[in-house]
Amino acid sequence: MVGNILIVRFTGITFVMFRRFRELAWIGVGLLCLSFIVGDR
């Protein structure tokens, strides 16, 4: 029972961290594209 709760909590934390990392990755990609566009001009 305790092991199950720990596993569920661990997967939940991992999922939240993955979502936050994905958001940061998208922001980084957007900034890269923006810098490329501005640098071309």
N, C-alpha and C. Protein backbone atom coordinates (compact mmCIF):
# COMPACT_ATOMS: atom_id res chain seq x y z
N MET A 1 0.84 -1.20 0.00
CA MET A 1 0.00 0.00 0.00
C MET A 1 0.88 1.25 0.00
N VAL A 2 1.82 1.30 0.94
CA VAL A 2 2.70 2.48 0.99
C VAL A 2 3.51 2.59 -0.30
N GLY A 3 3.97 1.44 -0.83
CA GLY A 3 4.73 1.45 -2.07
C GLY A 3 3.91 2.02 -3.21
N ASN A 4 2.63 1.63 -3.27
CA ASN A 4 1.76 2.15 -4.32
C ASN A 4 1.64 3.67 -4.24
N ILE A 5 1.43 4.19 -3.04
CA ILE A 5 1.29 5.64 -2.85
C ILE A 5 2.58 6.33 -3.31
N LEU A 6 3.73 5.75 -2.95
CA LEU A 6 5.01 6.35 -3.33
C LEU A 6 5.15 6.37 -4.85
N ILE A 7 4.78 5.27 -5.51
CA ILE A 7 4.89 5.18 -6.97
C ILE A 7 3.98 6.22 -7.62
N VAL A 8 2.75 6.33 -7.13
CA VAL A 8 1.81 7.31 -7.70
C VAL A 8 2.36 8.72 -7.51
N ARG A 9 2.86 9.01 -6.33
CA ARG A 9 3.39 10.35 -6.06
C ARG A 9 4.60 10.63 -6.96
N PHE A 10 5.48 9.62 -7.12
CA PHE A 10 6.67 9.79 -7.95
C PHE A 10 6.29 10.06 -9.40
N THR A 11 5.33 9.29 -9.94
CA THR A 11 4.92 9.50 -11.33
C THR A 11 4.27 10.86 -11.48
N GLY A 12 3.53 11.32 -10.47
CA GLY A 12 2.89 12.63 -10.54
C GLY A 12 3.93 13.74 -10.59
N ILE A 13 4.94 13.65 -9.73
CA ILE A 13 6.01 14.66 -9.71
C ILE A 13 6.74 14.65 -11.05
N THR A 14 7.04 13.45 -11.56
CA THR A 14 7.74 13.34 -12.84
C THR A 14 6.92 13.97 -13.95
N PHE A 15 5.60 13.72 -13.94
CA PHE A 15 4.72 14.26 -14.98
C PHE A 15 4.72 15.78 -14.93
N VAL A 16 4.63 16.35 -13.72
CA VAL A 16 4.63 17.82 -13.58
C VAL A 16 5.96 18.40 -14.07
N MET A 17 7.06 17.78 -13.67
CA MET A 17 8.37 18.27 -14.10
C MET A 17 8.51 18.17 -15.61
N PHE A 18 8.00 17.08 -16.20
CA PHE A 18 8.08 16.91 -17.66
C PHE A 18 7.29 18.00 -18.36
N ARG A 19 6.09 18.32 -17.84
CA ARG A 19 5.27 19.36 -18.45
C ARG A 19 5.98 20.71 -18.38
N ARG A 20 6.57 21.02 -17.22
CA ARG A 20 7.28 22.30 -17.06
C ARG A 20 8.47 22.35 -18.01
N PHE A 21 9.20 21.22 -18.12
CA PHE A 21 10.37 21.18 -19.00
C PHE A 21 9.94 21.38 -20.45
N ARG A 22 8.79 20.79 -20.82
CA ARG A 22 8.29 20.94 -22.19
C ARG A 22 7.96 22.40 -22.47
N GLU A 23 7.34 23.06 -21.50
CA GLU A 23 7.02 24.49 -21.67
C GLU A 23 8.30 25.30 -21.85
N LEU A 24 9.31 25.03 -21.01
CA LEU A 24 10.58 25.75 -21.13
C LEU A 24 11.23 25.47 -22.48
N ALA A 25 11.14 24.22 -22.95
CA ALA A 25 11.73 23.87 -24.24
C ALA A 25 11.05 24.66 -25.36
N TRP A 26 9.71 24.77 -25.31
CA TRP A 26 8.98 25.53 -26.33
C TRP A 26 9.40 26.99 -26.30
N ILE A 27 9.56 27.57 -25.09
CA ILE A 27 9.99 28.97 -24.98
C ILE A 27 11.39 29.12 -25.59
N GLY A 28 12.27 28.18 -25.31
CA GLY A 28 13.62 28.23 -25.88
C GLY A 28 13.59 28.17 -27.39
N VAL A 29 12.76 27.29 -27.96
CA VAL A 29 12.65 27.17 -29.41
C VAL A 29 12.13 28.48 -30.00
N GLY A 30 11.12 29.07 -29.34
CA GLY A 30 10.56 30.34 -29.82
C GLY A 30 11.62 31.44 -29.82
N LEU A 31 12.41 31.51 -28.74
CA LEU A 31 13.45 32.53 -28.66
C LEU A 31 14.51 32.30 -29.74
N LEU A 32 14.85 31.05 -30.00
CA LEU A 32 15.83 30.75 -31.04
C LEU A 32 15.33 31.21 -32.40
N CYS A 33 14.07 30.89 -32.71
CA CYS A 33 13.48 31.31 -33.99
C CYS A 33 13.47 32.83 -34.08
N LEU A 34 13.09 33.48 -33.00
CA LEU A 34 13.03 34.95 -32.99
C LEU A 34 14.42 35.55 -33.23
N SER A 35 15.43 35.01 -32.57
CA SER A 35 16.79 35.53 -32.75
C SER A 35 17.26 35.31 -34.19
N PHE A 36 16.89 34.17 -34.78
CA PHE A 36 17.28 33.90 -36.17
C PHE A 36 16.62 34.90 -37.10
N ILE A 37 15.32 35.17 -36.87
CA ILE A 37 14.59 36.12 -37.72
C ILE A 37 15.20 37.51 -37.59
N VAL A 38 15.44 37.95 -36.36
CA VAL A 38 16.01 39.29 -36.14
C VAL A 38 17.44 39.36 -36.70
N GLY A 39 18.20 38.27 -36.54
CA GLY A 39 19.58 38.26 -37.05
C GLY A 39 19.62 38.31 -38.57
N ASP A 40 18.65 37.70 -39.24
CA ASP A 40 18.60 37.73 -40.70
C ASP A 40 18.39 39.16 -41.21
N ARG A 41 17.54 39.89 -40.50
CA ARG A 41 17.20 41.24 -40.90
C ARG A 41 18.36 42.17 -40.60
